[in-house]
Amino acid sequence: MGGLLSGASYPLRALRVLGRTPGLWPYLVVPVAVNVGVGLLVYAALLFSGLRAVDAFVVGLPSWAAGLGMLLRALLVIGLLLLVGFVLARFGVVLGSPWYSALSARLETLRTGMAPPEGARGLGGALRDVGRSARFEALKLLLVVSVSLLLLALNIVPGLGTLAAGVGWLALGATVACLDFFDAPLERRRLRFRQKLEVVRRSLPASAGFGLVCFVLSGVPLLNLLAIPLCVAAGTLFFCDRLAPIVANIAPEAGGPTDTAETGGKDGRVRHAR
């Protein structure tokens, strides 16, 4: 239970670190502003088209049905707000990824006192990164679809099957949240998808607590605009405090300064993340 609660506390720890480190604020403000700007443009365009459609629908109705038009407009305003917020939750990470990656790298440097491994450079390196990102997303989607089908099958069994499926949905959501928000430091070390899953497994139960909290925070429309960068920061702190030695055992070839910070530097002294 202690590990579960400790993992769940990392978003709050990240909030404290970010609050006392103004140098990191641009990496929060800029992607949130980009997401809000894109969201407002999409919302305004859809709302304008939707209101015109509602007006065209109610124009031929009798006068006593005027209340229906008001109800439809209200539902359109609220429904589109929730829909745009939900879509931004799915694509906001992509829009803000350059800033979130920089935020994670800066935070790792502050936490460990050493710069993290650098990514590949040049056009070839960028193309390889795009390929790795696409493969990661495809494998994550395959995982979600495969487990979802299994959980849907469990619902056939009344009672215990439905309960097991409910627990399974939470576990799946928490696992995906861990994969998403641990990915910045893990990807800098070029871990494969299966290795990333193994990192999540070996860090249980703390990773379960972390994943559940971030799953809830990132799933609330509009709130997720602020929650996503917070969870990225929390995932980086979690990596520095708990995952670095696990990564060193799973993939020694990944190397990286953070591994050295946990196992010992060139001077022979053991150095731990603060």
Protein backbone atom coordinates (compact mmCIF):
# COMPACT_ATOMS: atom_id res chain seq x y z
CA MET A 1 0.00 0.00 0.00
CA GLY A 2 2.87 2.37 0.77
CA GLY A 3 4.31 1.95 -2.72
CA LEU A 4 0.90 2.50 -4.30
CA LEU A 5 0.37 5.75 -2.41
CA SER A 6 3.94 6.86 -3.05
CA GLY A 7 3.48 6.42 -6.80
CA ALA A 8 0.17 8.26 -6.69
CA SER A 9 1.86 11.25 -5.04
CA TYR A 10 4.16 12.04 -7.98
CA PRO A 11 1.83 14.51 -9.75
CA LEU A 12 1.72 16.50 -6.51
CA ARG A 13 5.52 16.28 -6.20
CA ALA A 14 5.85 17.49 -9.78
CA LEU A 15 3.54 20.41 -9.04
CA ARG A 16 5.78 21.44 -6.14
CA VAL A 17 8.94 21.19 -8.24
CA LEU A 18 7.42 23.16 -11.10
CA GLY A 19 6.09 25.78 -8.70
CA ARG A 20 9.56 26.56 -7.37
CA THR A 21 11.35 26.34 -10.74
CA PRO A 22 10.21 29.28 -12.92
CA GLY A 23 12.71 28.32 -15.61
CA LEU A 24 10.48 25.36 -16.51
CA TRP A 25 7.28 27.38 -16.86
CA PRO A 26 7.71 28.17 -20.60
CA TYR A 27 7.65 24.42 -21.29
CA LEU A 28 4.20 24.35 -19.67
CA VAL A 29 2.72 27.62 -20.89
CA VAL A 30 3.63 27.32 -24.59
CA PRO A 31 2.14 23.85 -25.29
CA VAL A 32 -0.98 24.68 -23.25
CA ALA A 33 -1.36 27.91 -25.25
CA VAL A 34 -0.90 26.00 -28.53
CA ASN A 35 -3.49 23.40 -27.53
CA VAL A 36 -5.94 26.05 -26.32
CA GLY A 37 -5.48 28.07 -29.54
CA VAL A 38 -6.07 25.04 -31.75
CA GLY A 39 -8.99 23.96 -29.59
CA LEU A 40 -10.66 27.37 -29.77
CA LEU A 41 -10.32 27.49 -33.55
CA VAL A 42 -11.81 24.01 -33.94
CA TYR A 43 -14.55 24.74 -31.40
CA ALA A 44 -15.51 28.04 -33.06
CA ALA A 45 -15.65 26.47 -36.52
CA LEU A 46 -17.78 23.53 -35.37
CA LEU A 47 -20.02 25.74 -33.24
CA PHE A 48 -20.66 28.18 -36.10
CA SER A 49 -21.59 25.35 -38.46
CA GLY A 50 -23.70 23.64 -35.80
CA LEU A 51 -25.67 26.77 -34.92
CA ARG A 52 -26.44 27.35 -38.57
CA ALA A 53 -27.70 23.78 -38.86
CA VAL A 54 -29.90 24.21 -35.77
CA ASP A 55 -31.33 27.47 -37.14
CA ALA A 56 -32.11 25.78 -40.44
CA PHE A 57 -33.81 22.93 -38.58
CA VAL A 58 -36.07 25.04 -36.32
CA VAL A 59 -37.01 27.68 -38.91
CA GLY A 60 -39.89 25.57 -40.20
CA LEU A 61 -41.19 24.56 -36.77
CA PRO A 62 -44.27 26.15 -35.18
CA SER A 63 -43.81 28.97 -32.66
CA TRP A 64 -44.58 26.74 -29.69
CA ALA A 65 -41.42 24.71 -30.51
CA ALA A 66 -39.10 27.70 -30.00
CA GLY A 67 -37.92 26.16 -26.75
CA LEU A 68 -36.61 23.17 -28.71
CA GLY A 69 -34.25 25.44 -30.61
CA MET A 70 -32.86 26.89 -27.37
CA LEU A 71 -32.38 23.39 -25.96
CA LEU A 72 -30.57 22.21 -29.09
CA ARG A 73 -28.27 25.24 -29.03
CA ALA A 74 -27.42 24.67 -25.35
CA LEU A 75 -26.71 20.98 -25.98
CA LEU A 76 -24.56 21.91 -28.97
CA VAL A 77 -22.47 24.40 -26.96
CA ILE A 78 -21.86 21.95 -24.10
CA GLY A 79 -21.47 18.85 -26.29
CA LEU A 80 -18.92 20.45 -28.59
CA LEU A 81 -16.97 21.74 -25.59
CA LEU A 82 -16.69 18.22 -24.18
CA LEU A 83 -15.94 16.72 -27.61
CA VAL A 84 -13.14 19.18 -28.38
CA GLY A 85 -11.70 18.65 -24.91
CA PHE A 86 -11.75 14.88 -25.43
CA VAL A 87 -10.06 15.14 -28.84
CA LEU A 88 -7.39 17.46 -27.44
CA ALA A 89 -6.71 14.87 -24.75
CA ARG A 90 -5.84 12.38 -27.50
CA PHE A 91 -3.87 14.71 -29.78
CA GLY A 92 -2.65 17.35 -27.32
CA VAL A 93 0.39 15.26 -26.46
CA VAL A 94 1.36 15.21 -30.14
CA LEU A 95 0.93 18.97 -30.52
CA GLY A 96 2.96 19.69 -27.40
CA SER A 97 5.54 16.91 -27.74
CA PRO A 98 8.53 19.16 -28.57
CA TRP A 99 8.00 21.19 -25.39
CA TYR A 100 7.16 18.15 -23.26
CA SER A 101 10.37 16.40 -24.36
CA ALA A 102 12.39 19.50 -23.50
CA LEU A 103 10.58 19.79 -20.15
CA SER A 104 11.42 16.18 -19.32
CA ALA A 105 15.09 16.59 -20.28
CA ARG A 106 15.49 19.79 -18.25
CA LEU A 107 13.75 18.25 -15.26
CA GLU A 108 15.93 15.15 -15.41
CA THR A 109 19.02 17.35 -15.43
CA LEU A 110 17.78 19.26 -12.40
CA ARG A 111 16.89 16.06 -10.56
CA THR A 112 20.10 14.12 -11.22
CA GLY A 113 22.61 16.92 -11.75
CA MET A 114 23.63 15.46 -15.11
CA ALA A 115 22.38 15.86 -18.67
CA PRO A 116 20.34 12.94 -20.05
CA PRO A 117 21.35 11.09 -23.22
CA GLU A 118 20.91 13.17 -26.35
CA GLY A 119 18.59 12.10 -29.11
CA ALA A 120 19.63 11.33 -32.65
CA ARG A 121 20.65 14.34 -34.72
CA GLY A 122 20.14 15.32 -38.35
CA LEU A 123 17.45 14.40 -40.82
CA GLY A 124 18.22 10.70 -40.58
CA GLY A 125 17.95 10.77 -36.81
CA ALA A 126 14.67 12.66 -36.99
CA LEU A 127 13.24 10.12 -39.43
CA ARG A 128 14.31 7.25 -37.17
CA ASP A 129 12.63 8.97 -34.23
CA VAL A 130 9.42 9.33 -36.23
CA GLY A 131 9.59 5.65 -37.11
CA ARG A 132 10.14 4.65 -33.48
CA SER A 133 7.26 6.86 -32.37
CA ALA A 134 4.93 5.37 -34.98
CA ARG A 135 5.93 1.84 -33.97
CA PHE A 136 5.38 2.67 -30.29
CA GLU A 137 1.90 4.03 -30.98
CA ALA A 138 1.01 1.04 -33.17
CA LEU A 139 2.13 -1.47 -30.53
CA LYS A 140 0.31 0.47 -27.82
CA LEU A 141 -2.87 0.41 -29.92
CA LEU A 142 -2.44 -3.32 -30.49
CA LEU A 143 -2.09 -3.82 -26.73
CA VAL A 144 -5.23 -1.79 -26.02
CA VAL A 145 -7.31 -3.58 -28.66
CA SER A 146 -6.13 -7.06 -27.60
CA VAL A 147 -6.78 -6.51 -23.90
CA SER A 148 -10.08 -4.73 -24.60
CA LEU A 149 -11.39 -7.72 -26.54
CA LEU A 150 -10.46 -10.00 -23.66
CA LEU A 151 -12.18 -7.71 -21.15
CA LEU A 152 -15.31 -7.52 -23.28
CA ALA A 153 -15.39 -11.32 -23.34
CA LEU A 154 -15.24 -11.39 -19.54
CA ASN A 155 -18.51 -9.45 -19.39
CA ILE A 156 -20.26 -12.54 -20.70
CA VAL A 157 -19.83 -14.04 -17.22
CA PRO A 158 -22.27 -12.21 -14.90
CA GLY A 159 -21.10 -11.02 -11.51
CA LEU A 160 -17.45 -11.96 -11.18
CA GLY A 161 -16.79 -11.54 -14.89
CA THR A 162 -18.13 -7.99 -14.88
CA LEU A 163 -16.13 -7.17 -11.75
CA ALA A 164 -12.94 -8.61 -13.25
CA ALA A 165 -13.55 -6.64 -16.45
CA GLY A 166 -13.94 -3.41 -14.45
CA VAL A 167 -10.66 -4.00 -12.65
CA GLY A 168 -9.07 -4.89 -15.97
CA TRP A 169 -10.17 -1.61 -17.58
CA LEU A 170 -8.59 0.34 -14.74
CA ALA A 171 -5.38 -1.69 -15.01
CA LEU A 172 -5.25 -1.14 -18.77
CA GLY A 173 -5.81 2.60 -18.40
CA ALA A 174 -3.11 2.85 -15.74
CA THR A 175 -0.66 0.85 -17.88
CA VAL A 176 -1.21 3.05 -20.91
CA ALA A 177 -0.80 6.17 -18.75
CA CYS A 178 2.53 4.82 -17.47
CA LEU A 179 3.69 4.07 -21.02
CA ASP A 180 2.75 7.59 -22.11
CA PHE A 181 4.22 9.55 -19.22
CA PHE A 182 7.35 7.43 -18.65
CA ASP A 183 8.10 7.49 -22.36
CA ALA A 184 10.20 10.67 -22.54
CA PRO A 185 13.11 9.41 -20.37
CA LEU A 186 12.69 5.80 -21.54
CA GLU A 187 12.74 6.79 -25.20
CA ARG A 188 15.90 8.83 -24.67
CA ARG A 189 17.49 5.51 -23.73
CA ARG A 190 16.03 3.78 -26.79
CA LEU A 191 14.15 1.05 -24.93
CA ARG A 192 11.98 -1.29 -26.96
CA PHE A 193 8.24 -1.52 -26.33
CA ARG A 194 8.49 -4.82 -24.45
CA GLN A 195 11.26 -3.40 -22.27
CA LYS A 196 9.06 -0.41 -21.42
CA LEU A 197 6.29 -2.76 -20.33
CA GLU A 198 8.81 -4.66 -18.21
CA VAL A 199 9.90 -1.41 -16.55
CA VAL A 200 6.27 -0.70 -15.63
CA ARG A 201 5.84 -4.23 -14.27
CA ARG A 202 9.00 -4.19 -12.16
CA SER A 203 8.10 -0.86 -10.58
CA LEU A 204 4.76 -2.12 -9.24
CA PRO A 205 2.90 -1.22 -7.06
CA ALA A 206 4.21 2.36 -7.27
CA SER A 207 3.67 2.46 -11.04
CA ALA A 208 0.05 1.35 -10.52
CA GLY A 209 -0.61 4.27 -8.19
CA PHE A 210 1.08 6.68 -10.58
CA GLY A 211 -0.79 5.32 -13.59
CA LEU A 212 -4.22 5.43 -11.95
CA VAL A 213 -3.85 9.07 -10.88
CA CYS A 214 -2.50 10.18 -14.27
CA PHE A 215 -5.19 8.15 -16.08
CA VAL A 216 -7.90 10.04 -14.19
CA LEU A 217 -6.24 13.46 -14.55
CA SER A 218 -5.57 13.10 -18.28
CA GLY A 219 -9.07 11.77 -18.94
CA VAL A 220 -11.01 14.82 -17.75
CA PRO A 221 -11.80 17.11 -20.72
CA LEU A 222 -10.21 20.59 -20.52
CA LEU A 223 -8.49 19.77 -17.22
CA ASN A 224 -6.22 17.47 -19.21
CA LEU A 225 -4.70 20.50 -20.97
CA LEU A 226 -2.96 21.29 -17.68
CA ALA A 227 -2.74 17.68 -16.47
CA ILE A 228 -0.73 16.34 -19.42
CA PRO A 229 2.42 18.47 -18.88
CA LEU A 230 2.08 17.89 -15.13
CA CYS A 231 2.00 14.12 -15.69
CA VAL A 232 4.97 14.31 -18.08
CA ALA A 233 6.93 16.06 -15.32
CA ALA A 234 5.70 13.54 -12.74
CA GLY A 235 6.76 10.64 -14.97
CA THR A 236 10.25 12.09 -15.29
CA LEU A 237 10.58 12.47 -11.51
CA PHE A 238 9.32 8.89 -11.10
CA PHE A 239 11.97 7.72 -13.56
CA CYS A 240 14.78 9.54 -11.76
CA ASP A 241 13.72 8.24 -8.35
CA ARG A 242 12.63 4.68 -9.15
CA LEU A 243 13.12 3.55 -12.74
CA ALA A 244 16.75 4.37 -13.52
CA PRO A 245 18.21 1.29 -11.74
CA ILE A 246 15.50 -0.92 -13.29
CA VAL A 247 16.41 0.36 -16.75
CA ALA A 248 20.08 -0.31 -16.02
CA ASN A 249 19.22 -3.96 -15.27
CA ILE A 250 16.84 -4.48 -18.17
CA ALA A 251 18.87 -2.70 -20.84
CA PRO A 252 22.47 -2.11 -19.74
CA GLU A 253 23.29 -1.03 -23.28
CA ALA A 254 20.94 1.95 -22.85
CA GLY A 255 23.52 3.53 -20.56
CA GLY A 256 22.97 7.22 -19.97
CA PRO A 257 23.95 9.63 -17.25
CA THR A 258 21.08 8.67 -15.01
CA ASP A 259 22.32 5.08 -14.83
CA THR A 260 25.66 6.43 -13.69
CA ALA A 261 23.90 8.57 -11.12
CA GLU A 262 22.52 5.44 -9.51
CA THR A 263 25.39 3.00 -9.85
CA GLY A 264 28.49 5.09 -9.43
CA GLY A 265 30.53 7.64 -11.33
CA LYS A 266 34.03 7.55 -12.71
CA ASP A 267 35.42 8.64 -9.36
CA GLY A 268 34.02 5.47 -7.79
CA ARG A 269 31.54 7.28 -5.54
CA VAL A 270 27.93 6.25 -5.56
CA ARG A 271 25.62 9.12 -6.53
CA HIS A 272 21.88 9.04 -6.03
CA ALA A 273 19.19 11.19 -7.55
CA ARG A 274 18.06 13.92 -5.20
